[in-house]
Amino acid sequence: MRAYSMDLRVRVLKVLRATEQARPDRAAQRSLWQVERSGWDPARLVFLAETWTYTALTRL
């Protein structure tokens, strides 16, 4: 997700991304997670809709 600064004098593109994504230990964990979930049966997954979640709390 991307957002622009509210200051109209300078348009600075801010990327809303966790800084942990650049860490090698997290990248290794993410790779293991992808391998683990590749064996899951999609027909058995259950998705929950969080309809009462307030999403305007993200810092821009």
PDB file of N, CA and C in Angstrom:
ATOM      1  N   MET A   1       0.845  -1.173   0.000  1.00  0.00           N
ATOM      2  CA  MET A   1       0.000   0.000   0.000  1.00  0.00           C
ATOM      3  C   MET A   1       0.887   1.231   0.000  1.00  0.00           C
ATOM      4  N   ARG A   2       0.522   2.219  -0.773  1.00  0.00           N
ATOM      5  CA  ARG A   2       1.310   3.438  -0.848  1.00  0.00           C
ATOM      6  C   ARG A   2       0.452   4.628  -0.453  1.00  0.00           C
ATOM      7  N   ALA A   3       1.073   5.622   0.097  1.00  0.00           N
ATOM      8  CA  ALA A   3       0.359   6.823   0.499  1.00  0.00           C
ATOM      9  C   ALA A   3       1.246   8.038   0.234  1.00  0.00           C
ATOM     10  N   TYR A   4       0.618   9.146  -0.063  1.00  0.00           N
ATOM     11  CA  TYR A   4       1.361  10.379  -0.284  1.00  0.00           C
ATOM     12  C   TYR A   4       1.285  11.255   0.955  1.00  0.00           C
ATOM     13  N   SER A   5       2.323  12.032   1.172  1.00  0.00           N
ATOM     14  CA  SER A   5       2.353  12.967   2.284  1.00  0.00           C
ATOM     15  C   SER A   5       1.257  14.001   2.093  1.00  0.00           C
ATOM     16  N   MET A   6       0.672  14.451   3.187  1.00  0.00           N
ATOM     17  CA  MET A   6      -0.400  15.437   3.112  1.00  0.00           C
ATOM     18  C   MET A   6       0.133  16.834   2.813  1.00  0.00           C
ATOM     19  N   ASP A   7       1.412  17.053   2.966  1.00  0.00           N
ATOM     20  CA  ASP A   7       2.021  18.339   2.670  1.00  0.00           C
ATOM     21  C   ASP A   7       2.058  18.512   1.155  1.00  0.00           C
ATOM     22  N   LEU A   8       1.338  19.519   0.635  1.00  0.00           N
ATOM     23  CA  LEU A   8       1.236  19.703  -0.808  1.00  0.00           C
ATOM     24  C   LEU A   8       2.489  20.329  -1.419  1.00  0.00           C
ATOM     25  N   ARG A   9       3.378  20.887  -0.597  1.00  0.00           N
ATOM     26  CA  ARG A   9       4.598  21.488  -1.125  1.00  0.00           C
ATOM     27  C   ARG A   9       5.569  20.423  -1.621  1.00  0.00           C
ATOM     28  N   VAL A  10       5.595  19.283  -0.956  1.00  0.00           N
ATOM     29  CA  VAL A  10       6.513  18.215  -1.321  1.00  0.00           C
ATOM     30  C   VAL A  10       5.730  16.920  -1.403  1.00  0.00           C
ATOM     31  N   ARG A  11       5.743  16.278  -2.543  1.00  0.00           N
ATOM     32  CA  ARG A  11       5.057  15.003  -2.690  1.00  0.00           C
ATOM     33  C   ARG A  11       6.075  13.893  -2.468  1.00  0.00           C
ATOM     34  N   VAL A  12       6.036  13.321  -1.302  1.00  0.00           N
ATOM     35  CA  VAL A  12       6.958  12.259  -0.939  1.00  0.00           C
ATOM     36  C   VAL A  12       6.178  10.956  -0.900  1.00  0.00           C
ATOM     37  N   LEU A  13       6.615  10.000  -1.660  1.00  0.00           N
ATOM     38  CA  LEU A  13       5.953   8.707  -1.676  1.00  0.00           C
ATOM     39  C   LEU A  13       6.428   7.893  -0.482  1.00  0.00           C
ATOM     40  N   LYS A  14       5.496   7.494   0.354  1.00  0.00           N
ATOM     41  CA  LYS A  14       5.811   6.669   1.516  1.00  0.00           C
ATOM     42  C   LYS A  14       5.306   5.265   1.246  1.00  0.00           C
ATOM     43  N   VAL A  15       6.156   4.288   1.370  1.00  0.00           N
ATOM     44  CA  VAL A  15       5.769   2.908   1.181  1.00  0.00           C
ATOM     45  C   VAL A  15       5.474   2.309   2.541  1.00  0.00           C
ATOM     46  N   LEU A  16       4.248   1.814   2.714  1.00  0.00           N
ATOM     47  CA  LEU A  16       3.859   1.214   3.984  1.00  0.00           C
ATOM     48  C   LEU A  16       4.265  -0.250   3.961  1.00  0.00           C
ATOM     49  N   ARG A  17       5.483  -0.506   4.397  1.00  0.00           N
ATOM     50  CA  ARG A  17       6.037  -1.853   4.386  1.00  0.00           C
ATOM     51  C   ARG A  17       6.812  -2.070   5.682  1.00  0.00           C
ATOM     52  N   ALA A  18       6.661  -3.228   6.234  1.00  0.00           N
ATOM     53  CA  ALA A  18       7.367  -3.543   7.475  1.00  0.00           C
ATOM     54  C   ALA A  18       8.866  -3.586   7.230  1.00  0.00           C
ATOM     55  N   THR A  19       9.638  -2.989   8.133  1.00  0.00           N
ATOM     56  CA  THR A  19      11.094  -2.978   7.987  1.00  0.00           C
ATOM     57  C   THR A  19      11.689  -4.371   8.182  1.00  0.00           C
ATOM     58  N   GLU A  20      10.933  -5.270   8.805  1.00  0.00           N
ATOM     59  CA  GLU A  20      11.423  -6.632   9.030  1.00  0.00           C
ATOM     60  C   GLU A  20      11.600  -7.405   7.726  1.00  0.00           C
ATOM     61  N   GLN A  21      10.982  -6.949   6.642  1.00  0.00           N
ATOM     62  CA  GLN A  21      11.087  -7.675   5.377  1.00  0.00           C
ATOM     63  C   GLN A  21      12.511  -7.695   4.841  1.00  0.00           C
ATOM     64  N   ALA A  22      13.323  -6.753   5.244  1.00  0.00           N
ATOM     65  CA  ALA A  22      14.702  -6.694   4.759  1.00  0.00           C
ATOM     66  C   ALA A  22      15.659  -7.550   5.587  1.00  0.00           C
ATOM     67  N   ARG A  23      15.201  -8.063   6.712  1.00  0.00           N
ATOM     68  CA  ARG A  23      16.081  -8.854   7.585  1.00  0.00           C
ATOM     69  C   ARG A  23      16.253 -10.279   7.057  1.00  0.00           C
ATOM     70  N   PRO A  24      17.482 -10.790   7.005  1.00  0.00           N
ATOM     71  CA  PRO A  24      17.734 -12.135   6.475  1.00  0.00           C
ATOM     72  C   PRO A  24      17.044 -13.236   7.276  1.00  0.00           C
ATOM     73  N   ASP A  25      16.968 -13.092   8.599  1.00  0.00           N
ATOM     74  CA  ASP A  25      16.326 -14.132   9.402  1.00  0.00           C
ATOM     75  C   ASP A  25      14.831 -14.201   9.111  1.00  0.00           C
ATOM     76  N   ARG A  26      14.211 -13.056   8.881  1.00  0.00           N
ATOM     77  CA  ARG A  26      12.778 -13.041   8.542  1.00  0.00           C
ATOM     78  C   ARG A  26      12.539 -13.582   7.136  1.00  0.00           C
ATOM     79  N   ALA A  27      13.459 -13.301   6.222  1.00  0.00           N
ATOM     80  CA  ALA A  27      13.332 -13.833   4.864  1.00  0.00           C
ATOM     81  C   ALA A  27      13.394 -15.356   4.885  1.00  0.00           C
ATOM     82  N   ALA A  28      14.261 -15.911   5.726  1.00  0.00           N
ATOM     83  CA  ALA A  28      14.365 -17.371   5.850  1.00  0.00           C
ATOM     84  C   ALA A  28      13.081 -17.949   6.441  1.00  0.00           C
ATOM     85  N   GLN A  29      12.537 -17.291   7.455  1.00  0.00           N
ATOM     86  CA  GLN A  29      11.280 -17.754   8.039  1.00  0.00           C
ATOM     87  C   GLN A  29      10.143 -17.676   7.039  1.00  0.00           C
ATOM     88  N   ARG A  30      10.128 -16.618   6.224  1.00  0.00           N
ATOM     89  CA  ARG A  30       9.091 -16.467   5.209  1.00  0.00           C
ATOM     90  C   ARG A  30       9.189 -17.577   4.165  1.00  0.00           C
ATOM     91  N   SER A  31      10.409 -17.946   3.788  1.00  0.00           N
ATOM     92  CA  SER A  31      10.608 -19.039   2.831  1.00  0.00           C
ATOM     93  C   SER A  31      10.104 -20.360   3.395  1.00  0.00           C
ATOM     94  N   LEU A  32      10.403 -20.622   4.660  1.00  0.00           N
ATOM     95  CA  LEU A  32       9.910 -21.844   5.299  1.00  0.00           C
ATOM     96  C   LEU A  32       8.389 -21.851   5.373  1.00  0.00           C
ATOM     97  N   TRP A  33       7.803 -20.712   5.646  1.00  0.00           N
ATOM     98  CA  TRP A  33       6.342 -20.589   5.722  1.00  0.00           C
ATOM     99  C   TRP A  33       5.714 -20.893   4.358  1.00  0.00           C
ATOM    100  N   GLN A  34       6.316 -20.403   3.284  1.00  0.00           N
ATOM    101  CA  GLN A  34       5.791 -20.655   1.946  1.00  0.00           C
ATOM    102  C   GLN A  34       5.864 -22.135   1.593  1.00  0.00           C
ATOM    103  N   VAL A  35       6.952 -22.802   1.987  1.00  0.00           N
ATOM    104  CA  VAL A  35       7.088 -24.236   1.728  1.00  0.00           C
ATOM    105  C   VAL A  35       6.050 -25.010   2.533  1.00  0.00           C
ATOM    106  N   GLU A  36       5.870 -24.626   3.792  1.00  0.00           N
ATOM    107  CA  GLU A  36       4.914 -25.319   4.663  1.00  0.00           C
ATOM    108  C   GLU A  36       3.485 -25.202   4.142  1.00  0.00           C
ATOM    109  N   ARG A  37       3.091 -24.020   3.736  1.00  0.00           N
ATOM    110  CA  ARG A  37       1.704 -23.847   3.310  1.00  0.00           C
ATOM    111  C   ARG A  37       1.435 -24.371   1.903  1.00  0.00           C
ATOM    112  N   SER A  38       2.483 -24.713   1.161  1.00  0.00           N
ATOM    113  CA  SER A  38       2.264 -25.261  -0.182  1.00  0.00           C
ATOM    114  C   SER A  38       1.576 -26.619  -0.132  1.00  0.00           C
ATOM    115  N   GLY A  39       1.650 -27.308   1.006  1.00  0.00           N
ATOM    116  CA  GLY A  39       1.003 -28.603   1.147  1.00  0.00           C
ATOM    117  C   GLY A  39      -0.420 -28.538   1.666  1.00  0.00           C
ATOM    118  N   TRP A  40      -0.939 -27.337   1.899  1.00  0.00           N
ATOM    119  CA  TRP A  40      -2.288 -27.197   2.427  1.00  0.00           C
ATOM    120  C   TRP A  40      -3.337 -27.426   1.342  1.00  0.00           C
ATOM    121  N   ASP A  41      -4.440 -27.997   1.734  1.00  0.00           N
ATOM    122  CA  ASP A  41      -5.567 -28.206   0.817  1.00  0.00           C
ATOM    123  C   ASP A  41      -6.459 -26.968   0.875  1.00  0.00           C
ATOM    124  N   PRO A  42      -6.564 -26.209  -0.213  1.00  0.00           N
ATOM    125  CA  PRO A  42      -7.372 -24.980  -0.206  1.00  0.00           C
ATOM    126  C   PRO A  42      -8.847 -25.227   0.130  1.00  0.00           C
ATOM    127  N   ALA A  43      -9.343 -26.395  -0.144  1.00  0.00           N
ATOM    128  CA  ALA A  43     -10.742 -26.698   0.150  1.00  0.00           C
ATOM    129  C   ALA A  43     -10.999 -26.757   1.656  1.00  0.00           C
ATOM    130  N   ARG A  44      -9.969 -26.934   2.443  1.00  0.00           N
ATOM    131  CA  ARG A  44     -10.130 -27.037   3.898  1.00  0.00           C
ATOM    132  C   ARG A  44      -9.903 -25.721   4.637  1.00  0.00           C
ATOM    133  N   LEU A  45      -9.548 -24.662   3.909  1.00  0.00           N
ATOM    134  CA  LEU A  45      -9.290 -23.373   4.540  1.00  0.00           C
ATOM    135  C   LEU A  45     -10.597 -22.660   4.877  1.00  0.00           C
ATOM    136  N   VAL A  46     -10.595 -21.955   5.996  1.00  0.00           N
ATOM    137  CA  VAL A  46     -11.753 -21.182   6.434  1.00  0.00           C
ATOM    138  C   VAL A  46     -11.319 -19.723   6.548  1.00  0.00           C
ATOM    139  N   PHE A  47     -12.076 -18.827   5.938  1.00  0.00           N
ATOM    140  CA  PHE A  47     -11.752 -17.402   5.979  1.00  0.00           C
ATOM    141  C   PHE A  47     -12.773 -16.678   6.839  1.00  0.00           C
ATOM    142  N   LEU A  48     -12.282 -15.838   7.739  1.00  0.00           N
ATOM    143  CA  LEU A  48     -13.138 -15.065   8.626  1.00  0.00           C
ATOM    144  C   LEU A  48     -13.107 -13.601   8.199  1.00  0.00           C
ATOM    145  N   ALA A  49     -14.273 -13.024   8.048  1.00  0.00           N
ATOM    146  CA  ALA A  49     -14.362 -11.611   7.676  1.00  0.00           C
ATOM    147  C   ALA A  49     -14.435 -10.780   8.951  1.00  0.00           C
ATOM    148  N   GLU A  50     -13.492  -9.878   9.110  1.00  0.00           N
ATOM    149  CA  GLU A  50     -13.481  -8.995  10.274  1.00  0.00           C
ATOM    150  C   GLU A  50     -14.163  -7.688   9.882  1.00  0.00           C
ATOM    151  N   THR A  51     -15.477  -7.720   9.870  1.00  0.00           N
ATOM    152  CA  THR A  51     -16.240  -6.576   9.362  1.00  0.00           C
ATOM    153  C   THR A  51     -16.261  -5.388  10.304  1.00  0.00           C
ATOM    154  N   TRP A  52     -15.955  -5.567  11.583  1.00  0.00           N
ATOM    155  CA  TRP A  52     -16.010  -4.467  12.537  1.00  0.00           C
ATOM    156  C   TRP A  52     -14.625  -3.910  12.844  1.00  0.00           C
ATOM    157  N   THR A  53     -13.662  -4.197  12.007  1.00  0.00           N
ATOM    158  CA  THR A  53     -12.311  -3.688  12.227  1.00  0.00           C
ATOM    159  C   THR A  53     -12.202  -2.260  11.710  1.00  0.00           C
ATOM    160  N   TYR A  54     -11.672  -1.371  12.540  1.00  0.00           N
ATOM    161  CA  TYR A  54     -11.484   0.024  12.160  1.00  0.00           C
ATOM    162  C   TYR A  54     -10.137   0.141  11.460  1.00  0.00           C
ATOM    163  N   THR A  55     -10.128   0.425  10.168  1.00  0.00           N
ATOM    164  CA  THR A  55      -8.902   0.388   9.376  1.00  0.00           C
ATOM    165  C   THR A  55      -8.258   1.764   9.201  1.00  0.00           C
ATOM    166  N   ALA A  56      -8.840   2.803   9.722  1.00  0.00           N
ATOM    167  CA  ALA A  56      -8.281   4.150   9.543  1.00  0.00           C
ATOM    168  C   ALA A  56      -7.174   4.451  10.546  1.00  0.00           C
ATOM    169  N   LEU A  57      -6.666   3.465  11.238  1.00  0.00           N
ATOM    170  CA  LEU A  57      -5.632   3.702  12.236  1.00  0.00           C
ATOM    171  C   LEU A  57      -4.221   3.586  11.667  1.00  0.00           C
ATOM    172  N   THR A  58      -4.090   3.297  10.381  1.00  0.00           N
ATOM    173  CA  THR A  58      -2.776   3.170   9.767  1.00  0.00           C
ATOM    174  C   THR A  58      -2.114   4.536   9.647  1.00  0.00           C
ATOM    175  N   ARG A  59      -0.861   4.633  10.115  1.00  0.00           N
ATOM    176  CA  ARG A  59      -0.135   5.895   9.998  1.00  0.00           C
ATOM    177  C   ARG A  59       0.267   6.140   8.550  1.00  0.00           C
ATOM    178  N   LEU A  60       0.164   7.354   8.137  1.00  0.00           N
ATOM    179  CA  LEU A  60       0.593   7.715   6.785  1.00  0.00           C
ATOM    180  C   LEU A  60       1.752   8.657   6.848  1.00  0.00           C
TER     181      LEU A  60
END
